[in-house]
């Protein structure tokens, strides 16, 4: 049985007035914490299931839920985290 490699975050920041933690992983990938995403889109609630919010999006935004989650360890204390890629593939002009 193979173990999933958990990358270490080497830098941390915040977005949306401190509601959403963001990280840079050792391979350079930028991610947003799932908990931070929920806080940012729910107006500050710490609890909630990101899948519920993504399922409520209009169909033209469904690609936002297709990104796989990323397990990582936080830079300060090595605590485990789960995030989503901060960059999504372009899906044409979403704002026409």
PDB file of N, CA and C in Angstrom:
ATOM      1  N   UNK A   1       0.850  -1.178   0.000  1.00  0.00           N
ATOM      2  CA  UNK A   1       0.000   0.000   0.000  1.00  0.00           C
ATOM      3  C   UNK A   1       0.889   1.232   0.000  1.00  0.00           C
ATOM      4  N   UNK A   2       0.708   2.141  -0.981  1.00  0.00           N
ATOM      5  CA  UNK A   2       1.539   3.342  -1.043  1.00  0.00           C
ATOM      6  C   UNK A   2       0.915   4.472  -0.228  1.00  0.00           C
ATOM      7  N   UNK A   3       1.798   5.236   0.386  1.00  0.00           N
ATOM      8  CA  UNK A   3       1.339   6.379   1.160  1.00  0.00           C
ATOM      9  C   UNK A   3       1.392   7.629   0.295  1.00  0.00           C
ATOM     10  N   UNK A   4       0.378   8.461   0.430  1.00  0.00           N
ATOM     11  CA  UNK A   4       0.358   9.729  -0.278  1.00  0.00           C
ATOM     12  C   UNK A   4       1.443  10.630   0.311  1.00  0.00           C
ATOM     13  N   UNK A   5       2.203  11.263  -0.556  1.00  0.00           N
ATOM     14  CA  UNK A   5       3.247  12.176  -0.097  1.00  0.00           C
ATOM     15  C   UNK A   5       2.600  13.473   0.344  1.00  0.00           C
ATOM     16  N   UNK A   6       2.915  13.884   1.554  1.00  0.00           N
ATOM     17  CA  UNK A   6       2.384  15.142   2.077  1.00  0.00           C
ATOM     18  C   UNK A   6       3.475  16.188   1.970  1.00  0.00           C
ATOM     19  N   UNK A   7       3.205  17.218   1.176  1.00  0.00           N
ATOM     20  CA  UNK A   7       4.190  18.272   0.985  1.00  0.00           C
ATOM     21  C   UNK A   7       4.195  19.226   2.174  1.00  0.00           C
ATOM     22  N   UNK A   8       5.312  19.875   2.333  1.00  0.00           N
ATOM     23  CA  UNK A   8       5.427  20.880   3.384  1.00  0.00           C
ATOM     24  C   UNK A   8       5.182  22.260   2.773  1.00  0.00           C
ATOM     25  N   UNK A   9       4.388  23.057   3.473  1.00  0.00           N
ATOM     26  CA  UNK A   9       4.210  24.448   3.065  1.00  0.00           C
ATOM     27  C   UNK A   9       5.429  25.221   3.554  1.00  0.00           C
ATOM     28  N   UNK A  10       5.979  26.057   2.687  1.00  0.00           N
ATOM     29  CA  UNK A  10       7.176  26.817   3.045  1.00  0.00           C
ATOM     30  C   UNK A  10       6.865  28.282   3.316  1.00  0.00           C
ATOM     31  N   UNK A  11       5.658  28.721   2.975  1.00  0.00           N
ATOM     32  CA  UNK A  11       5.253  30.104   3.227  1.00  0.00           C
ATOM     33  C   UNK A  11       3.745  30.154   3.429  1.00  0.00           C
ATOM     34  N   UNK A  12       3.299  31.118   4.228  1.00  0.00           N
ATOM     35  CA  UNK A  12       1.867  31.273   4.517  1.00  0.00           C
ATOM     36  C   UNK A  12       1.492  32.745   4.370  1.00  0.00           C
ATOM     37  N   UNK A  13       0.277  32.979   3.908  1.00  0.00           N
ATOM     38  CA  UNK A  13      -0.280  34.317   3.810  1.00  0.00           C
ATOM     39  C   UNK A  13      -1.770  34.254   4.073  1.00  0.00           C
ATOM     40  N   UNK A  14      -2.426  35.384   3.948  1.00  0.00           N
ATOM     41  CA  UNK A  14      -3.876  35.429   4.118  1.00  0.00           C
ATOM     42  C   UNK A  14      -4.497  36.279   3.020  1.00  0.00           C
ATOM     43  N   UNK A  15      -5.740  35.959   2.709  1.00  0.00           N
ATOM     44  CA  UNK A  15      -6.532  36.699   1.723  1.00  0.00           C
ATOM     45  C   UNK A  15      -7.865  37.075   2.348  1.00  0.00           C
ATOM     46  N   UNK A  16      -8.591  37.950   1.695  1.00  0.00           N
ATOM     47  CA  UNK A  16      -9.950  38.318   2.092  1.00  0.00           C
ATOM     48  C   UNK A  16     -10.000  38.794   3.550  1.00  0.00           C
ATOM     49  N   UNK A  17      -9.198  39.812   3.837  1.00  0.00           N
ATOM     50  CA  UNK A  17      -9.154  40.396   5.182  1.00  0.00           C
ATOM     51  C   UNK A  17      -8.864  39.369   6.260  1.00  0.00           C
ATOM     52  N   UNK A  18      -7.999  38.425   5.957  1.00  0.00           N
ATOM     53  CA  UNK A  18      -7.578  37.428   6.930  1.00  0.00           C
ATOM     54  C   UNK A  18      -8.463  36.217   7.054  1.00  0.00           C
ATOM     55  N   UNK A  19      -9.512  36.106   6.254  1.00  0.00           N
ATOM     56  CA  UNK A  19     -10.423  34.968   6.359  1.00  0.00           C
ATOM     57  C   UNK A  19      -9.858  33.685   5.759  1.00  0.00           C
ATOM     58  N   UNK A  20      -9.041  33.803   4.732  1.00  0.00           N
ATOM     59  CA  UNK A  20      -8.583  32.613   4.013  1.00  0.00           C
ATOM     60  C   UNK A  20      -7.063  32.504   4.059  1.00  0.00           C
ATOM     61  N   UNK A  21      -6.577  31.408   4.640  1.00  0.00           N
ATOM     62  CA  UNK A  21      -5.147  31.142   4.655  1.00  0.00           C
ATOM     63  C   UNK A  21      -4.722  30.618   3.297  1.00  0.00           C
ATOM     64  N   UNK A  22      -3.568  31.077   2.834  1.00  0.00           N
ATOM     65  CA  UNK A  22      -3.015  30.574   1.589  1.00  0.00           C
ATOM     66  C   UNK A  22      -1.572  30.150   1.859  1.00  0.00           C
ATOM     67  N   UNK A  23      -1.092  29.204   1.077  1.00  0.00           N
ATOM     68  CA  UNK A  23       0.222  28.624   1.316  1.00  0.00           C
ATOM     69  C   UNK A  23       0.956  28.414  -0.001  1.00  0.00           C
ATOM     70  N   UNK A  24       2.281  28.413   0.082  1.00  0.00           N
ATOM     71  CA  UNK A  24       3.131  28.001  -1.027  1.00  0.00           C
ATOM     72  C   UNK A  24       3.807  26.714  -0.584  1.00  0.00           C
ATOM     73  N   UNK A  25       3.649  25.665  -1.401  1.00  0.00           N
ATOM     74  CA  UNK A  25       4.235  24.368  -1.078  1.00  0.00           C
ATOM     75  C   UNK A  25       5.679  24.309  -1.560  1.00  0.00           C
ATOM     76  N   UNK A  26       6.413  23.313  -1.085  1.00  0.00           N
ATOM     77  CA  UNK A  26       7.827  23.186  -1.412  1.00  0.00           C
ATOM     78  C   UNK A  26       8.088  23.033  -2.909  1.00  0.00           C
ATOM     79  N   UNK A  27       7.102  22.565  -3.673  1.00  0.00           N
ATOM     80  CA  UNK A  27       7.283  22.447  -5.123  1.00  0.00           C
ATOM     81  C   UNK A  27       6.835  23.708  -5.863  1.00  0.00           C
ATOM     82  N   UNK A  28       6.435  24.755  -5.115  1.00  0.00           N
ATOM     83  CA  UNK A  28       6.031  26.023  -5.717  1.00  0.00           C
ATOM     84  C   UNK A  28       4.535  26.173  -5.932  1.00  0.00           C
ATOM     85  N   UNK A  29       3.772  25.083  -5.771  1.00  0.00           N
ATOM     86  CA  UNK A  29       2.324  25.168  -5.964  1.00  0.00           C
ATOM     87  C   UNK A  29       1.708  26.072  -4.904  1.00  0.00           C
ATOM     88  N   UNK A  30       0.761  26.893  -5.311  1.00  0.00           N
ATOM     89  CA  UNK A  30       0.034  27.762  -4.387  1.00  0.00           C
ATOM     90  C   UNK A  30      -1.329  27.152  -4.110  1.00  0.00           C
ATOM     91  N   UNK A  31      -1.698  27.104  -2.827  1.00  0.00           N
ATOM     92  CA  UNK A  31      -2.982  26.521  -2.447  1.00  0.00           C
ATOM     93  C   UNK A  31      -3.707  27.429  -1.460  1.00  0.00           C
ATOM     94  N   UNK A  32      -5.018  27.249  -1.394  1.00  0.00           N
ATOM     95  CA  UNK A  32      -5.873  27.910  -0.405  1.00  0.00           C
ATOM     96  C   UNK A  32      -6.367  26.839   0.549  1.00  0.00           C
ATOM     97  N   UNK A  33      -6.401  27.127   1.844  1.00  0.00           N
ATOM     98  CA  UNK A  33      -6.900  26.122   2.783  1.00  0.00           C
ATOM     99  C   UNK A  33      -8.403  25.967   2.580  1.00  0.00           C
ATOM    100  N   UNK A  34      -8.887  24.717   2.665  1.00  0.00           N
ATOM    101  CA  UNK A  34     -10.329  24.480   2.509  1.00  0.00           C
ATOM    102  C   UNK A  34     -11.105  25.194   3.608  1.00  0.00           C
ATOM    103  N   UNK A  35     -10.603  25.167   4.830  1.00  0.00           N
ATOM    104  CA  UNK A  35     -11.284  25.848   5.922  1.00  0.00           C
ATOM    105  C   UNK A  35     -11.355  27.359   5.644  1.00  0.00           C
ATOM    106  N   UNK A  36     -10.278  27.907   5.117  1.00  0.00           N
ATOM    107  CA  UNK A  36     -10.264  29.332   4.781  1.00  0.00           C
ATOM    108  C   UNK A  36     -11.231  29.681   3.663  1.00  0.00           C
ATOM    109  N   UNK A  37     -11.354  28.792   2.671  1.00  0.00           N
ATOM    110  CA  UNK A  37     -12.310  29.016   1.585  1.00  0.00           C
ATOM    111  C   UNK A  37     -13.726  29.085   2.154  1.00  0.00           C
ATOM    112  N   UNK A  38     -14.062  28.139   3.047  1.00  0.00           N
ATOM    113  CA  UNK A  38     -15.392  28.131   3.662  1.00  0.00           C
ATOM    114  C   UNK A  38     -15.603  29.412   4.461  1.00  0.00           C
ATOM    115  N   UNK A  39     -14.598  29.837   5.235  1.00  0.00           N
ATOM    116  CA  UNK A  39     -14.729  31.086   6.007  1.00  0.00           C
ATOM    117  C   UNK A  39     -14.974  32.275   5.085  1.00  0.00           C
ATOM    118  N   UNK A  40     -14.236  32.328   3.980  1.00  0.00           N
ATOM    119  CA  UNK A  40     -14.355  33.461   3.067  1.00  0.00           C
ATOM    120  C   UNK A  40     -15.716  33.513   2.378  1.00  0.00           C
ATOM    121  N   UNK A  41     -16.255  32.369   1.955  1.00  0.00           N
ATOM    122  CA  UNK A  41     -17.526  32.402   1.224  1.00  0.00           C
ATOM    123  C   UNK A  41     -18.740  32.337   2.139  1.00  0.00           C
ATOM    124  N   UNK A  42     -18.528  32.026   3.416  1.00  0.00           N
ATOM    125  CA  UNK A  42     -19.664  31.960   4.343  1.00  0.00           C
ATOM    126  C   UNK A  42     -19.726  33.169   5.268  1.00  0.00           C
ATOM    127  N   UNK A  43     -18.802  34.101   5.100  1.00  0.00           N
ATOM    128  CA  UNK A  43     -18.824  35.287   5.948  1.00  0.00           C
ATOM    129  C   UNK A  43     -18.205  35.070   7.321  1.00  0.00           C
ATOM    130  N   UNK A  44     -17.330  34.107   7.453  1.00  0.00           N
ATOM    131  CA  UNK A  44     -16.593  33.949   8.691  1.00  0.00           C
ATOM    132  C   UNK A  44     -16.870  32.705   9.503  1.00  0.00           C
ATOM    133  N   UNK A  45     -17.795  31.851   9.066  1.00  0.00           N
ATOM    134  CA  UNK A  45     -18.037  30.607   9.823  1.00  0.00           C
ATOM    135  C   UNK A  45     -16.868  29.660   9.643  1.00  0.00           C
ATOM    136  N   UNK A  46     -16.417  29.064  10.741  1.00  0.00           N
ATOM    137  CA  UNK A  46     -15.294  28.128  10.680  1.00  0.00           C
ATOM    138  C   UNK A  46     -15.711  26.733  10.255  1.00  0.00           C
ATOM    139  N   UNK A  47     -16.953  26.410  10.382  1.00  0.00           N
ATOM    140  CA  UNK A  47     -17.411  25.045  10.081  1.00  0.00           C
ATOM    141  C   UNK A  47     -18.277  25.060   8.828  1.00  0.00           C
ATOM    142  N   UNK A  48     -18.242  23.959   8.140  1.00  0.00           N
ATOM    143  CA  UNK A  48     -19.052  23.808   6.943  1.00  0.00           C
ATOM    144  C   UNK A  48     -18.347  22.898   5.979  1.00  0.00           C
ATOM    145  N   UNK A  49     -19.072  22.371   5.056  1.00  0.00           N
ATOM    146  CA  UNK A  49     -18.513  21.445   4.079  1.00  0.00           C
ATOM    147  C   UNK A  49     -18.378  22.180   2.750  1.00  0.00           C
ATOM    148  N   UNK A  50     -17.156  22.295   2.280  1.00  0.00           N
ATOM    149  CA  UNK A  50     -16.901  22.998   1.027  1.00  0.00           C
ATOM    150  C   UNK A  50     -17.708  22.400  -0.111  1.00  0.00           C
ATOM    151  N   UNK A  51     -17.924  21.088  -0.095  1.00  0.00           N
ATOM    152  CA  UNK A  51     -18.708  20.451  -1.172  1.00  0.00           C
ATOM    153  C   UNK A  51     -20.119  21.025  -1.268  1.00  0.00           C
ATOM    154  N   UNK A  52     -20.722  21.376  -0.121  1.00  0.00           N
ATOM    155  CA  UNK A  52     -22.071  21.960  -0.143  1.00  0.00           C
ATOM    156  C   UNK A  52     -22.077  23.297  -0.861  1.00  0.00           C
ATOM    157  N   UNK A  53     -21.068  24.114  -0.611  1.00  0.00           N
ATOM    158  CA  UNK A  53     -20.982  25.416  -1.275  1.00  0.00           C
ATOM    159  C   UNK A  53     -20.715  25.254  -2.765  1.00  0.00           C
ATOM    160  N   UNK A  54     -19.813  24.337  -3.115  1.00  0.00           N
ATOM    161  CA  UNK A  54     -19.494  24.127  -4.525  1.00  0.00           C
ATOM    162  C   UNK A  54     -20.678  23.562  -5.297  1.00  0.00           C
ATOM    163  N   UNK A  55     -21.458  22.705  -4.663  1.00  0.00           N
ATOM    164  CA  UNK A  55     -22.624  22.109  -5.317  1.00  0.00           C
ATOM    165  C   UNK A  55     -23.691  23.165  -5.622  1.00  0.00           C
ATOM    166  N   UNK A  56     -23.707  24.244  -4.876  1.00  0.00           N
ATOM    167  CA  UNK A  56     -24.714  25.286  -5.073  1.00  0.00           C
ATOM    168  C   UNK A  56     -24.333  26.286  -6.167  1.00  0.00           C
ATOM    169  N   UNK A  57     -23.130  26.163  -6.716  1.00  0.00           N
ATOM    170  CA  UNK A  57     -22.701  27.097  -7.757  1.00  0.00           C
ATOM    171  C   UNK A  57     -23.431  26.833  -9.075  1.00  0.00           C
ATOM    172  N   UNK A  58     -23.650  27.876  -9.869  1.00  0.00           N
ATOM    173  CA  UNK A  58     -24.220  27.670 -11.209  1.00  0.00           C
ATOM    174  C   UNK A  58     -23.297  26.779 -12.039  1.00  0.00           C
ATOM    175  N   UNK A  59     -23.837  26.111 -13.029  1.00  0.00           N
ATOM    176  CA  UNK A  59     -23.088  25.115 -13.802  1.00  0.00           C
ATOM    177  C   UNK A  59     -21.830  25.682 -14.457  1.00  0.00           C
ATOM    178  N   UNK A  60     -21.808  26.956 -14.840  1.00  0.00           N
ATOM    179  CA  UNK A  60     -20.613  27.486 -15.505  1.00  0.00           C
ATOM    180  C   UNK A  60     -19.415  27.590 -14.558  1.00  0.00           C
ATOM    181  N   UNK A  61     -19.650  27.428 -13.257  1.00  0.00           N
ATOM    182  CA  UNK A  61     -18.555  27.448 -12.285  1.00  0.00           C
ATOM    183  C   UNK A  61     -18.247  26.058 -11.739  1.00  0.00           C
ATOM    184  N   UNK A  62     -18.798  25.016 -12.344  1.00  0.00           N
ATOM    185  CA  UNK A  62     -18.619  23.658 -11.823  1.00  0.00           C
ATOM    186  C   UNK A  62     -17.157  23.222 -11.827  1.00  0.00           C
ATOM    187  N   UNK A  63     -16.338  23.798 -12.702  1.00  0.00           N
ATOM    188  CA  UNK A  63     -14.926  23.428 -12.736  1.00  0.00           C
ATOM    189  C   UNK A  63     -14.221  23.750 -11.423  1.00  0.00           C
ATOM    190  N   UNK A  64     -14.757  24.661 -10.626  1.00  0.00           N
ATOM    191  CA  UNK A  64     -14.127  25.007  -9.350  1.00  0.00           C
ATOM    192  C   UNK A  64     -14.129  23.829  -8.384  1.00  0.00           C
ATOM    193  N   UNK A  65     -15.096  22.948  -8.503  1.00  0.00           N
ATOM    194  CA  UNK A  65     -15.170  21.780  -7.636  1.00  0.00           C
ATOM    195  C   UNK A  65     -14.401  20.587  -8.149  1.00  0.00           C
ATOM    196  N   UNK A  66     -13.824  20.687  -9.341  1.00  0.00           N
ATOM    197  CA  UNK A  66     -13.147  19.537  -9.917  1.00  0.00           C
ATOM    198  C   UNK A  66     -11.696  19.396  -9.474  1.00  0.00           C
ATOM    199  N   UNK A  67     -11.137  20.419  -8.869  1.00  0.00           N
ATOM    200  CA  UNK A  67      -9.739  20.343  -8.428  1.00  0.00           C
ATOM    201  C   UNK A  67      -9.618  19.400  -7.235  1.00  0.00           C
ATOM    202  N   UNK A  68      -8.627  18.551  -7.291  1.00  0.00           N
ATOM    203  CA  UNK A  68      -8.405  17.604  -6.201  1.00  0.00           C
ATOM    204  C   UNK A  68      -7.868  18.325  -4.969  1.00  0.00           C
ATOM    205  N   UNK A  69      -8.215  17.813  -3.805  1.00  0.00           N
ATOM    206  CA  UNK A  69      -7.686  18.402  -2.579  1.00  0.00           C
ATOM    207  C   UNK A  69      -6.212  18.030  -2.435  1.00  0.00           C
ATOM    208  N   UNK A  70      -5.488  18.867  -1.718  1.00  0.00           N
ATOM    209  CA  UNK A  70      -4.051  18.695  -1.516  1.00  0.00           C
ATOM    210  C   UNK A  70      -3.791  18.626  -0.019  1.00  0.00           C
ATOM    211  N   UNK A  71      -3.147  17.557   0.414  1.00  0.00           N
ATOM    212  CA  UNK A  71      -2.767  17.448   1.828  1.00  0.00           C
ATOM    213  C   UNK A  71      -1.373  18.051   1.992  1.00  0.00           C
ATOM    214  N   UNK A  72      -1.188  18.812   3.078  1.00  0.00           N
ATOM    215  CA  UNK A  72       0.094  19.459   3.309  1.00  0.00           C
ATOM    216  C   UNK A  72       0.332  19.622   4.804  1.00  0.00           C
ATOM    217  N   UNK A  73       1.565  19.945   5.163  1.00  0.00           N
ATOM    218  CA  UNK A  73       1.871  20.265   6.556  1.00  0.00           C
ATOM    219  C   UNK A  73       2.183  21.755   6.623  1.00  0.00           C
ATOM    220  N   UNK A  74       1.684  22.395   7.652  1.00  0.00           N
ATOM    221  CA  UNK A  74       1.815  23.840   7.781  1.00  0.00           C
ATOM    222  C   UNK A  74       3.239  24.229   8.182  1.00  0.00           C
ATOM    223  N   UNK A  75       3.693  25.409   7.731  1.00  0.00           N
ATOM    224  CA  UNK A  75       5.090  25.781   7.944  1.00  0.00           C
ATOM    225  C   UNK A  75       5.454  26.051   9.411  1.00  0.00           C
ATOM    226  N   UNK A  76       4.534  26.540  10.194  1.00  0.00           N
ATOM    227  CA  UNK A  76       4.870  26.944  11.558  1.00  0.00           C
ATOM    228  C   UNK A  76       5.062  25.764  12.499  1.00  0.00           C
ATOM    229  N   UNK A  77       4.143  24.801  12.452  1.00  0.00           N
ATOM    230  CA  UNK A  77       4.181  23.720  13.441  1.00  0.00           C
ATOM    231  C   UNK A  77       4.029  22.325  12.838  1.00  0.00           C
ATOM    232  N   UNK A  78       3.957  22.236  11.521  1.00  0.00           N
ATOM    233  CA  UNK A  78       3.822  20.936  10.876  1.00  0.00           C
ATOM    234  C   UNK A  78       2.430  20.334  10.957  1.00  0.00           C
ATOM    235  N   UNK A  79       1.463  21.100  11.481  1.00  0.00           N
ATOM    236  CA  UNK A  79       0.090  20.599  11.594  1.00  0.00           C
ATOM    237  C   UNK A  79      -0.446  20.255  10.200  1.00  0.00           C
ATOM    238  N   UNK A  80      -1.241  19.184  10.102  1.00  0.00           N
ATOM    239  CA  UNK A  80      -1.778  18.809   8.792  1.00  0.00           C
ATOM    240  C   UNK A  80      -2.835  19.797   8.314  1.00  0.00           C
ATOM    241  N   UNK A  81      -2.899  19.951   7.011  1.00  0.00           N
ATOM    242  CA  UNK A  81      -3.915  20.802   6.410  1.00  0.00           C
ATOM    243  C   UNK A  81      -4.394  20.202   5.111  1.00  0.00           C
ATOM    244  N   UNK A  82      -5.536  20.685   4.659  1.00  0.00           N
ATOM    245  CA  UNK A  82      -6.086  20.283   3.363  1.00  0.00           C
ATOM    246  C   UNK A  82      -6.397  21.555   2.600  1.00  0.00           C
ATOM    247  N   UNK A  83      -5.967  21.600   1.368  1.00  0.00           N
ATOM    248  CA  UNK A  83      -6.191  22.790   0.567  1.00  0.00           C
ATOM    249  C   UNK A  83      -6.667  22.450  -0.825  1.00  0.00           C
ATOM    250  N   UNK A  84      -6.872  23.497  -1.581  1.00  0.00           N
ATOM    251  CA  UNK A  84      -7.254  23.390  -2.993  1.00  0.00           C
ATOM    252  C   UNK A  84      -6.307  24.276  -3.786  1.00  0.00           C
ATOM    253  N   UNK A  85      -5.975  23.888  -5.011  1.00  0.00           N
ATOM    254  CA  UNK A  85      -5.101  24.726  -5.833  1.00  0.00           C
ATOM    255  C   UNK A  85      -5.652  26.148  -5.940  1.00  0.00           C
ATOM    256  N   UNK A  86      -4.762  27.120  -5.857  1.00  0.00           N
ATOM    257  CA  UNK A  86      -5.178  28.520  -5.922  1.00  0.00           C
ATOM    258  C   UNK A  86      -5.436  28.970  -7.351  1.00  0.00           C
ATOM    259  N   UNK A  87      -4.924  28.231  -8.321  1.00  0.00           N
ATOM    260  CA  UNK A  87      -5.129  28.584  -9.720  1.00  0.00           C
ATOM    261  C   UNK A  87      -6.019  27.541 -10.375  1.00  0.00           C
ATOM    262  N   UNK A  88      -6.981  28.009 -11.129  1.00  0.00           N
ATOM    263  CA  UNK A  88      -7.899  27.126 -11.842  1.00  0.00           C
ATOM    264  C   UNK A  88      -7.673  27.303 -13.332  1.00  0.00           C
ATOM    265  N   UNK A  89      -7.901  26.277 -14.117  1.00  0.00           N
ATOM    266  CA  UNK A  89      -7.754  26.422 -15.572  1.00  0.00           C
ATOM    267  C   UNK A  89      -8.754  27.449 -16.101  1.00  0.00           C
ATOM    268  N   UNK A  90      -8.333  28.179 -17.078  1.00  0.00           N
ATOM    269  CA  UNK A  90      -9.234  29.179 -17.679  1.00  0.00           C
ATOM    270  C   UNK A  90     -10.415  28.467 -18.327  1.00  0.00           C
ATOM    271  N   UNK A  91     -11.590  29.027 -18.127  1.00  0.00           N
ATOM    272  CA  UNK A  91     -12.822  28.420 -18.655  1.00  0.00           C
ATOM    273  C   UNK A  91     -13.552  29.396 -19.566  1.00  0.00           C
ATOM    274  N   UNK A  92     -12.824  30.077 -20.417  1.00  0.00           N
ATOM    275  CA  UNK A  92     -13.457  31.065 -21.283  1.00  0.00           C
ATOM    276  C   UNK A  92     -13.758  32.317 -20.481  1.00  0.00           C
ATOM    277  N   UNK A  93     -14.622  33.142 -20.992  1.00  0.00           N
ATOM    278  CA  UNK A  93     -14.968  34.396 -20.325  1.00  0.00           C
ATOM    279  C   UNK A  93     -16.146  34.151 -19.395  1.00  0.00           C
ATOM    280  N   UNK A  94     -15.874  34.061 -18.088  1.00  0.00           N
ATOM    281  CA  UNK A  94     -16.928  33.813 -17.119  1.00  0.00           C
ATOM    282  C   UNK A  94     -17.798  35.037 -16.881  1.00  0.00           C
ATOM    283  N   UNK A  95     -17.297  36.201 -17.260  1.00  0.00           N
ATOM    284  CA  UNK A  95     -18.002  37.436 -16.923  1.00  0.00           C
ATOM    285  C   UNK A  95     -18.423  38.180 -18.175  1.00  0.00           C
ATOM    286  N   UNK A  96     -19.197  37.517 -18.996  1.00  0.00           N
ATOM    287  CA  UNK A  96     -19.669  38.170 -20.228  1.00  0.00           C
ATOM    288  C   UNK A  96     -21.063  38.694 -20.047  1.00  0.00           C
TER     289      UNK A  96
END
